[in-house]
Amino acid sequence: MADRSELETEIKGIIIESLMLEDVTPAEIVTDDALFDTGLGLDSIDALELAIALEDRFGVTIEDDPDKNQQIFASVASLASFVEANRSK
């Protein structure tokens, strides 16, 4: 199993690929920065696309729970924690 930093880098790559962020590299995404609003400035459509990509890649299930999803999608670090806790083995 990949270590935490490898998982975070992989998630950064998924964000870039699934959202077609052509001018962003994984190194430019700060692990603890917000993904929405002040951070990358993602929106709800981006969250949906990212959720599908994460479900496909890691076998996680992201429920339709706005409060919980706000926590899950807060940062790359929170996404990594969610994936670690919920991914298919």
PDB file of N, CA and C in Angstrom:
ATOM      1  N   MET A   1       0.850  -1.188   0.000  1.00  0.00           N
ATOM      2  CA  MET A   1       0.000   0.000   0.000  1.00  0.00           C
ATOM      3  C   MET A   1       0.893   1.249   0.000  1.00  0.00           C
ATOM      4  N   ALA A   2       0.508   2.212  -0.761  1.00  0.00           N
ATOM      5  CA  ALA A   2       1.281   3.451  -0.864  1.00  0.00           C
ATOM      6  C   ALA A   2       1.260   4.200   0.468  1.00  0.00           C
ATOM      7  N   ASP A   3       2.346   4.909   0.728  1.00  0.00           N
ATOM      8  CA  ASP A   3       2.329   5.704   1.949  1.00  0.00           C
ATOM      9  C   ASP A   3       1.485   6.954   1.753  1.00  0.00           C
ATOM     10  N   ARG A   4       1.304   7.690   2.816  1.00  0.00           N
ATOM     11  CA  ARG A   4       0.387   8.836   2.810  1.00  0.00           C
ATOM     12  C   ARG A   4       0.771   9.881   1.764  1.00  0.00           C
ATOM     13  N   SER A   5       2.046  10.234   1.652  1.00  0.00           N
ATOM     14  CA  SER A   5       2.437  11.271   0.696  1.00  0.00           C
ATOM     15  C   SER A   5       2.229  10.812  -0.744  1.00  0.00           C
ATOM     16  N   GLU A   6       2.435   9.518  -1.003  1.00  0.00           N
ATOM     17  CA  GLU A   6       2.178   8.983  -2.343  1.00  0.00           C
ATOM     18  C   GLU A   6       0.684   9.044  -2.664  1.00  0.00           C
ATOM     19  N   LEU A   7      -0.146   8.723  -1.679  1.00  0.00           N
ATOM     20  CA  LEU A   7      -1.597   8.798  -1.869  1.00  0.00           C
ATOM     21  C   LEU A   7      -2.015  10.237  -2.149  1.00  0.00           C
ATOM     22  N   GLU A   8      -1.490  11.176  -1.388  1.00  0.00           N
ATOM     23  CA  GLU A   8      -1.830  12.588  -1.599  1.00  0.00           C
ATOM     24  C   GLU A   8      -1.399  13.055  -2.983  1.00  0.00           C
ATOM     25  N   THR A   9      -0.219  12.642  -3.431  1.00  0.00           N
ATOM     26  CA  THR A   9       0.244  13.006  -4.770  1.00  0.00           C
ATOM     27  C   THR A   9      -0.654  12.391  -5.834  1.00  0.00           C
ATOM     28  N   GLU A  10      -1.072  11.150  -5.620  1.00  0.00           N
ATOM     29  CA  GLU A  10      -1.976  10.490  -6.564  1.00  0.00           C
ATOM     30  C   GLU A  10      -3.318  11.227  -6.627  1.00  0.00           C
ATOM     31  N   ILE A  11      -3.835  11.641  -5.487  1.00  0.00           N
ATOM     32  CA  ILE A  11      -5.099  12.383  -5.451  1.00  0.00           C
ATOM     33  C   ILE A  11      -4.942  13.722  -6.180  1.00  0.00           C
ATOM     34  N   LYS A  12      -3.816  14.386  -5.990  1.00  0.00           N
ATOM     35  CA  LYS A  12      -3.566  15.643  -6.711  1.00  0.00           C
ATOM     36  C   LYS A  12      -3.609  15.403  -8.219  1.00  0.00           C
ATOM     37  N   GLY A  13      -3.010  14.309  -8.664  1.00  0.00           N
ATOM     38  CA  GLY A  13      -3.043  13.957 -10.082  1.00  0.00           C
ATOM     39  C   GLY A  13      -4.450  13.690 -10.569  1.00  0.00           C
ATOM     40  N   ILE A  14      -5.244  13.019  -9.748  1.00  0.00           N
ATOM     41  CA  ILE A  14      -6.646  12.744 -10.107  1.00  0.00           C
ATOM     42  C   ILE A  14      -7.423  14.050 -10.213  1.00  0.00           C
ATOM     43  N   ILE A  15      -7.177  14.981  -9.299  1.00  0.00           N
ATOM     44  CA  ILE A  15      -7.843  16.286  -9.357  1.00  0.00           C
ATOM     45  C   ILE A  15      -7.508  16.971 -10.673  1.00  0.00           C
ATOM     46  N   ILE A  16      -6.236  16.996 -11.019  1.00  0.00           N
ATOM     47  CA  ILE A  16      -5.804  17.672 -12.246  1.00  0.00           C
ATOM     48  C   ILE A  16      -6.398  16.996 -13.476  1.00  0.00           C
ATOM     49  N   GLU A  17      -6.325  15.669 -13.513  1.00  0.00           N
ATOM     50  CA  GLU A  17      -6.810  14.926 -14.672  1.00  0.00           C
ATOM     51  C   GLU A  17      -8.323  14.994 -14.814  1.00  0.00           C
ATOM     52  N   SER A  18      -9.045  14.725 -13.729  1.00  0.00           N
ATOM     53  CA  SER A  18     -10.506  14.656 -13.828  1.00  0.00           C
ATOM     54  C   SER A  18     -11.137  16.021 -14.063  1.00  0.00           C
ATOM     55  N   LEU A  19     -10.477  17.084 -13.604  1.00  0.00           N
ATOM     56  CA  LEU A  19     -11.028  18.435 -13.773  1.00  0.00           C
ATOM     57  C   LEU A  19     -10.341  19.192 -14.897  1.00  0.00           C
ATOM     58  N   MET A  20      -9.439  18.512 -15.601  1.00  0.00           N
ATOM     59  CA  MET A  20      -8.736  19.085 -16.747  1.00  0.00           C
ATOM     60  C   MET A  20      -8.101  20.443 -16.415  1.00  0.00           C
ATOM     61  N   LEU A  21      -7.345  20.470 -15.320  1.00  0.00           N
ATOM     62  CA  LEU A  21      -6.643  21.678 -14.891  1.00  0.00           C
ATOM     63  C   LEU A  21      -5.289  21.716 -15.602  1.00  0.00           C
ATOM     64  N   GLU A  22      -5.276  22.238 -16.816  1.00  0.00           N
ATOM     65  CA  GLU A  22      -4.102  22.154 -17.685  1.00  0.00           C
ATOM     66  C   GLU A  22      -2.897  22.924 -17.165  1.00  0.00           C
ATOM     67  N   ASP A  23      -3.107  23.999 -16.446  1.00  0.00           N
ATOM     68  CA  ASP A  23      -1.993  24.839 -16.011  1.00  0.00           C
ATOM     69  C   ASP A  23      -1.597  24.603 -14.559  1.00  0.00           C
ATOM     70  N   VAL A  24      -1.956  23.450 -14.001  1.00  0.00           N
ATOM     71  CA  VAL A  24      -1.660  23.148 -12.604  1.00  0.00           C
ATOM     72  C   VAL A  24      -0.872  21.844 -12.544  1.00  0.00           C
ATOM     73  N   THR A  25       0.159  21.819 -11.687  1.00  0.00           N
ATOM     74  CA  THR A  25       0.913  20.588 -11.459  1.00  0.00           C
ATOM     75  C   THR A  25       0.622  20.099 -10.041  1.00  0.00           C
ATOM     76  N   PRO A  26       0.844  18.803  -9.780  1.00  0.00           N
ATOM     77  CA  PRO A  26       0.618  18.306  -8.415  1.00  0.00           C
ATOM     78  C   PRO A  26       1.408  19.092  -7.365  1.00  0.00           C
ATOM     79  N   ALA A  27       2.615  19.522  -7.713  1.00  0.00           N
ATOM     80  CA  ALA A  27       3.443  20.258  -6.761  1.00  0.00           C
ATOM     81  C   ALA A  27       2.832  21.611  -6.386  1.00  0.00           C
ATOM     82  N   GLU A  28       1.988  22.146  -7.257  1.00  0.00           N
ATOM     83  CA  GLU A  28       1.374  23.453  -6.996  1.00  0.00           C
ATOM     84  C   GLU A  28       0.147  23.356  -6.092  1.00  0.00           C
ATOM     85  N   ILE A  29      -0.372  22.166  -5.909  1.00  0.00           N
ATOM     86  CA  ILE A  29      -1.530  21.984  -5.034  1.00  0.00           C
ATOM     87  C   ILE A  29      -1.019  21.716  -3.626  1.00  0.00           C
ATOM     88  N   VAL A  30      -1.328  22.611  -2.700  1.00  0.00           N
ATOM     89  CA  VAL A  30      -0.881  22.457  -1.315  1.00  0.00           C
ATOM     90  C   VAL A  30      -1.841  21.499  -0.607  1.00  0.00           C
ATOM     91  N   THR A  31      -1.268  20.472  -0.006  1.00  0.00           N
ATOM     92  CA  THR A  31      -2.044  19.383   0.588  1.00  0.00           C
ATOM     93  C   THR A  31      -3.106  19.855   1.570  1.00  0.00           C
ATOM     94  N   ASP A  32      -2.797  20.850   2.385  1.00  0.00           N
ATOM     95  CA  ASP A  32      -3.737  21.291   3.411  1.00  0.00           C
ATOM     96  C   ASP A  32      -4.566  22.507   3.017  1.00  0.00           C
ATOM     97  N   ASP A  33      -4.364  23.026   1.801  1.00  0.00           N
ATOM     98  CA  ASP A  33      -5.146  24.184   1.351  1.00  0.00           C
ATOM     99  C   ASP A  33      -6.562  23.763   0.968  1.00  0.00           C
ATOM    100  N   ALA A  34      -7.476  24.700   1.077  1.00  0.00           N
ATOM    101  CA  ALA A  34      -8.866  24.452   0.701  1.00  0.00           C
ATOM    102  C   ALA A  34      -8.965  24.140  -0.788  1.00  0.00           C
ATOM    103  N   LEU A  35      -9.860  23.223  -1.128  1.00  0.00           N
ATOM    104  CA  LEU A  35     -10.101  22.928  -2.532  1.00  0.00           C
ATOM    105  C   LEU A  35     -11.163  23.849  -3.125  1.00  0.00           C
ATOM    106  N   PHE A  36     -12.012  24.370  -2.261  1.00  0.00           N
ATOM    107  CA  PHE A  36     -13.097  25.242  -2.708  1.00  0.00           C
ATOM    108  C   PHE A  36     -12.817  26.660  -2.239  1.00  0.00           C
ATOM    109  N   ASP A  37     -13.547  27.600  -2.765  1.00  0.00           N
ATOM    110  CA  ASP A  37     -13.439  29.010  -2.382  1.00  0.00           C
ATOM    111  C   ASP A  37     -12.017  29.529  -2.567  1.00  0.00           C
ATOM    112  N   THR A  38     -11.287  29.732  -1.470  1.00  0.00           N
ATOM    113  CA  THR A  38      -9.988  30.400  -1.535  1.00  0.00           C
ATOM    114  C   THR A  38      -8.874  29.533  -2.097  1.00  0.00           C
ATOM    115  N   GLY A  39      -9.007  28.232  -2.076  1.00  0.00           N
ATOM    116  CA  GLY A  39      -7.951  27.344  -2.558  1.00  0.00           C
ATOM    117  C   GLY A  39      -7.967  27.241  -4.075  1.00  0.00           C
ATOM    118  N   LEU A  40      -8.234  26.051  -4.572  1.00  0.00           N
ATOM    119  CA  LEU A  40      -8.296  25.839  -6.023  1.00  0.00           C
ATOM    120  C   LEU A  40      -9.529  26.476  -6.640  1.00  0.00           C
ATOM    121  N   GLY A  41     -10.485  26.836  -5.813  1.00  0.00           N
ATOM    122  CA  GLY A  41     -11.694  27.478  -6.329  1.00  0.00           C
ATOM    123  C   GLY A  41     -12.637  26.514  -7.031  1.00  0.00           C
ATOM    124  N   LEU A  42     -12.669  25.276  -6.577  1.00  0.00           N
ATOM    125  CA  LEU A  42     -13.560  24.296  -7.186  1.00  0.00           C
ATOM    126  C   LEU A  42     -15.008  24.622  -6.852  1.00  0.00           C
ATOM    127  N   ASP A  43     -15.923  24.068  -7.658  1.00  0.00           N
ATOM    128  CA  ASP A  43     -17.348  24.269  -7.417  1.00  0.00           C
ATOM    129  C   ASP A  43     -18.044  22.908  -7.277  1.00  0.00           C
ATOM    130  N   SER A  44     -19.358  22.923  -7.146  1.00  0.00           N
ATOM    131  CA  SER A  44     -20.094  21.685  -6.895  1.00  0.00           C
ATOM    132  C   SER A  44     -19.997  20.704  -8.065  1.00  0.00           C
ATOM    133  N   ILE A  45     -19.933  21.200  -9.285  1.00  0.00           N
ATOM    134  CA  ILE A  45     -19.775  20.315 -10.446  1.00  0.00           C
ATOM    135  C   ILE A  45     -18.403  19.634 -10.385  1.00  0.00           C
ATOM    136  N   ASP A  46     -17.375  20.409 -10.019  1.00  0.00           N
ATOM    137  CA  ASP A  46     -16.041  19.833  -9.856  1.00  0.00           C
ATOM    138  C   ASP A  46     -16.048  18.743  -8.794  1.00  0.00           C
ATOM    139  N   ALA A  47     -16.753  18.981  -7.696  1.00  0.00           N
ATOM    140  CA  ALA A  47     -16.836  17.998  -6.615  1.00  0.00           C
ATOM    141  C   ALA A  47     -17.468  16.703  -7.114  1.00  0.00           C
ATOM    142  N   LEU A  48     -18.509  16.816  -7.920  1.00  0.00           N
ATOM    143  CA  LEU A  48     -19.175  15.635  -8.468  1.00  0.00           C
ATOM    144  C   LEU A  48     -18.224  14.862  -9.372  1.00  0.00           C
ATOM    145  N   GLU A  49     -17.536  15.569 -10.260  1.00  0.00           N
ATOM    146  CA  GLU A  49     -16.587  14.907 -11.158  1.00  0.00           C
ATOM    147  C   GLU A  49     -15.459  14.251 -10.375  1.00  0.00           C
ATOM    148  N   LEU A  50     -14.976  14.936  -9.363  1.00  0.00           N
ATOM    149  CA  LEU A  50     -13.906  14.394  -8.529  1.00  0.00           C
ATOM    150  C   LEU A  50     -14.386  13.182  -7.743  1.00  0.00           C
ATOM    151  N   ALA A  51     -15.604  13.234  -7.233  1.00  0.00           N
ATOM    152  CA  ALA A  51     -16.164  12.095  -6.496  1.00  0.00           C
ATOM    153  C   ALA A  51     -16.226  10.857  -7.385  1.00  0.00           C
ATOM    154  N   ILE A  52     -16.661  11.031  -8.621  1.00  0.00           N
ATOM    155  CA  ILE A  52     -16.743   9.902  -9.564  1.00  0.00           C
ATOM    156  C   ILE A  52     -15.349   9.339  -9.822  1.00  0.00           C
ATOM    157  N   ALA A  53     -14.370  10.225 -10.031  1.00  0.00           N
ATOM    158  CA  ALA A  53     -13.001   9.774 -10.286  1.00  0.00           C
ATOM    159  C   ALA A  53     -12.432   9.015  -9.089  1.00  0.00           C
ATOM    160  N   LEU A  54     -12.686   9.505  -7.876  1.00  0.00           N
ATOM    161  CA  LEU A  54     -12.201   8.825  -6.677  1.00  0.00           C
ATOM    162  C   LEU A  54     -12.891   7.482  -6.480  1.00  0.00           C
ATOM    163  N   GLU A  55     -14.193   7.428  -6.761  1.00  0.00           N
ATOM    164  CA  GLU A  55     -14.922   6.167  -6.653  1.00  0.00           C
ATOM    165  C   GLU A  55     -14.367   5.147  -7.638  1.00  0.00           C
ATOM    166  N   ASP A  56     -14.095   5.595  -8.881  1.00  0.00           N
ATOM    167  CA  ASP A  56     -13.545   4.693  -9.892  1.00  0.00           C
ATOM    168  C   ASP A  56     -12.146   4.202  -9.525  1.00  0.00           C
ATOM    169  N   ARG A  57     -11.301   5.093  -9.055  1.00  0.00           N
ATOM    170  CA  ARG A  57      -9.900   4.755  -8.789  1.00  0.00           C
ATOM    171  C   ARG A  57      -9.719   3.949  -7.505  1.00  0.00           C
ATOM    172  N   PHE A  58     -10.418   4.328  -6.444  1.00  0.00           N
ATOM    173  CA  PHE A  58     -10.168   3.722  -5.138  1.00  0.00           C
ATOM    174  C   PHE A  58     -11.300   2.834  -4.628  1.00  0.00           C
ATOM    175  N   GLY A  59     -12.425   2.795  -5.336  1.00  0.00           N
ATOM    176  CA  GLY A  59     -13.538   1.967  -4.893  1.00  0.00           C
ATOM    177  C   GLY A  59     -14.244   2.500  -3.664  1.00  0.00           C
ATOM    178  N   VAL A  60     -14.102   3.796  -3.399  1.00  0.00           N
ATOM    179  CA  VAL A  60     -14.794   4.401  -2.256  1.00  0.00           C
ATOM    180  C   VAL A  60     -16.193   4.817  -2.677  1.00  0.00           C
ATOM    181  N   THR A  61     -17.076   4.943  -1.713  1.00  0.00           N
ATOM    182  CA  THR A  61     -18.424   5.420  -1.979  1.00  0.00           C
ATOM    183  C   THR A  61     -18.625   6.728  -1.235  1.00  0.00           C
ATOM    184  N   ILE A  62     -18.974   7.764  -1.987  1.00  0.00           N
ATOM    185  CA  ILE A  62     -19.211   9.073  -1.395  1.00  0.00           C
ATOM    186  C   ILE A  62     -20.717   9.313  -1.414  1.00  0.00           C
ATOM    187  N   GLU A  63     -21.288   9.386  -0.227  1.00  0.00           N
ATOM    188  CA  GLU A  63     -22.737   9.513  -0.074  1.00  0.00           C
ATOM    189  C   GLU A  63     -23.202  10.941  -0.368  1.00  0.00           C
ATOM    190  N   ASP A  64     -24.506  11.095  -0.525  1.00  0.00           N
ATOM    191  CA  ASP A  64     -25.100  12.415  -0.750  1.00  0.00           C
ATOM    192  C   ASP A  64     -25.429  13.043   0.608  1.00  0.00           C
ATOM    193  N   ASP A  65     -24.376  13.487   1.288  1.00  0.00           N
ATOM    194  CA  ASP A  65     -24.490  14.100   2.609  1.00  0.00           C
ATOM    195  C   ASP A  65     -23.666  15.386   2.586  1.00  0.00           C
ATOM    196  N   PRO A  66     -24.314  16.527   2.317  1.00  0.00           N
ATOM    197  CA  PRO A  66     -23.580  17.786   2.132  1.00  0.00           C
ATOM    198  C   PRO A  66     -22.626  18.138   3.270  1.00  0.00           C
ATOM    199  N   ASP A  67     -23.032  17.937   4.511  1.00  0.00           N
ATOM    200  CA  ASP A  67     -22.160  18.287   5.637  1.00  0.00           C
ATOM    201  C   ASP A  67     -20.923  17.392   5.677  1.00  0.00           C
ATOM    202  N   LYS A  68     -21.132  16.094   5.533  1.00  0.00           N
ATOM    203  CA  LYS A  68     -20.009  15.156   5.543  1.00  0.00           C
ATOM    204  C   LYS A  68     -19.109  15.394   4.333  1.00  0.00           C
ATOM    205  N   ASN A  69     -19.705  15.635   3.170  1.00  0.00           N
ATOM    206  CA  ASN A  69     -18.914  15.852   1.964  1.00  0.00           C
ATOM    207  C   ASN A  69     -18.094  17.132   2.041  1.00  0.00           C
ATOM    208  N   GLN A  70     -18.610  18.128   2.728  1.00  0.00           N
ATOM    209  CA  GLN A  70     -17.853  19.361   2.911  1.00  0.00           C
ATOM    210  C   GLN A  70     -16.566  19.067   3.672  1.00  0.00           C
ATOM    211  N   GLN A  71     -16.639  18.173   4.640  1.00  0.00           N
ATOM    212  CA  GLN A  71     -15.447  17.774   5.396  1.00  0.00           C
ATOM    213  C   GLN A  71     -14.515  16.923   4.537  1.00  0.00           C
ATOM    214  N   ILE A  72     -15.075  15.981   3.796  1.00  0.00           N
ATOM    215  CA  ILE A  72     -14.267  15.089   2.963  1.00  0.00           C
ATOM    216  C   ILE A  72     -13.501  15.884   1.910  1.00  0.00           C
ATOM    217  N   PHE A  73     -14.185  16.838   1.266  1.00  0.00           N
ATOM    218  CA  PHE A  73     -13.596  17.587   0.158  1.00  0.00           C
ATOM    219  C   PHE A  73     -12.920  18.888   0.599  1.00  0.00           C
ATOM    220  N   ALA A  74     -12.635  19.034   1.873  1.00  0.00           N
ATOM    221  CA  ALA A  74     -12.029  20.268   2.367  1.00  0.00           C
ATOM    222  C   ALA A  74     -10.633  20.494   1.803  1.00  0.00           C
ATOM    223  N   SER A  75      -9.849  19.430   1.661  1.00  0.00           N
ATOM    224  CA  SER A  75      -8.461  19.555   1.203  1.00  0.00           C
ATOM    225  C   SER A  75      -8.007  18.205   0.657  1.00  0.00           C
ATOM    226  N   VAL A  76      -6.834  18.197   0.055  1.00  0.00           N
ATOM    227  CA  VAL A  76      -6.253  16.927  -0.387  1.00  0.00           C
ATOM    228  C   VAL A  76      -6.017  16.024   0.820  1.00  0.00           C
ATOM    229  N   ALA A  77      -5.584  16.604   1.931  1.00  0.00           N
ATOM    230  CA  ALA A  77      -5.344  15.809   3.141  1.00  0.00           C
ATOM    231  C   ALA A  77      -6.620  15.122   3.624  1.00  0.00           C
ATOM    232  N   SER A  78      -7.741  15.835   3.617  1.00  0.00           N
ATOM    233  CA  SER A  78      -8.999  15.228   4.068  1.00  0.00           C
ATOM    234  C   SER A  78      -9.486  14.167   3.082  1.00  0.00           C
ATOM    235  N   LEU A  79      -9.252  14.385   1.787  1.00  0.00           N
ATOM    236  CA  LEU A  79      -9.594  13.357   0.794  1.00  0.00           C
ATOM    237  C   LEU A  79      -8.752  12.105   1.019  1.00  0.00           C
ATOM    238  N   ALA A  80      -7.463  12.294   1.291  1.00  0.00           N
ATOM    239  CA  ALA A  80      -6.578  11.153   1.532  1.00  0.00           C
ATOM    240  C   ALA A  80      -7.020  10.370   2.770  1.00  0.00           C
ATOM    241  N   SER A  81      -7.405  11.076   3.818  1.00  0.00           N
ATOM    242  CA  SER A  81      -7.886  10.408   5.033  1.00  0.00           C
ATOM    243  C   SER A  81      -9.138   9.596   4.729  1.00  0.00           C
ATOM    244  N   PHE A  82     -10.057  10.158   3.955  1.00  0.00           N
ATOM    245  CA  PHE A  82     -11.280   9.458   3.592  1.00  0.00           C
ATOM    246  C   PHE A  82     -10.956   8.212   2.774  1.00  0.00           C
ATOM    247  N   VAL A  83     -10.069   8.356   1.788  1.00  0.00           N
ATOM    248  CA  VAL A  83      -9.705   7.223   0.946  1.00  0.00           C
ATOM    249  C   VAL A  83      -9.031   6.133   1.779  1.00  0.00           C
ATOM    250  N   GLU A  84      -8.117   6.508   2.657  1.00  0.00           N
ATOM    251  CA  GLU A  84      -7.443   5.521   3.519  1.00  0.00           C
ATOM    252  C   GLU A  84      -8.446   4.735   4.350  1.00  0.00           C
ATOM    253  N   ALA A  85      -9.448   5.425   4.863  1.00  0.00           N
ATOM    254  CA  ALA A  85     -10.424   4.773   5.745  1.00  0.00           C
ATOM    255  C   ALA A  85     -11.465   3.951   4.991  1.00  0.00           C
ATOM    256  N   ASN A  86     -11.680   4.248   3.707  1.00  0.00           N
ATOM    257  CA  ASN A  86     -12.824   3.653   3.002  1.00  0.00           C
ATOM    258  C   ASN A  86     -12.498   2.915   1.713  1.00  0.00           C
ATOM    259  N   ARG A  87     -11.268   2.879   1.302  1.00  0.00           N
ATOM    260  CA  ARG A  87     -10.971   2.261   0.012  1.00  0.00           C
ATOM    261  C   ARG A  87     -11.151   0.760   0.038  1.00  0.00           C
ATOM    262  N   SER A  88     -11.439   0.203  -1.138  1.00  0.00           N
ATOM    263  CA  SER A  88     -11.548  -1.247  -1.287  1.00  0.00           C
ATOM    264  C   SER A  88     -10.170  -1.848  -1.178  1.00  0.00           C
ATOM    265  N   LYS A  89     -10.067  -2.914  -0.503  1.00  0.00           N
ATOM    266  CA  LYS A  89      -8.761  -3.582  -0.337  1.00  0.00           C
ATOM    267  C   LYS A  89      -8.486  -4.487  -1.506  1.00  0.00           C
TER     268      LYS A  89
END
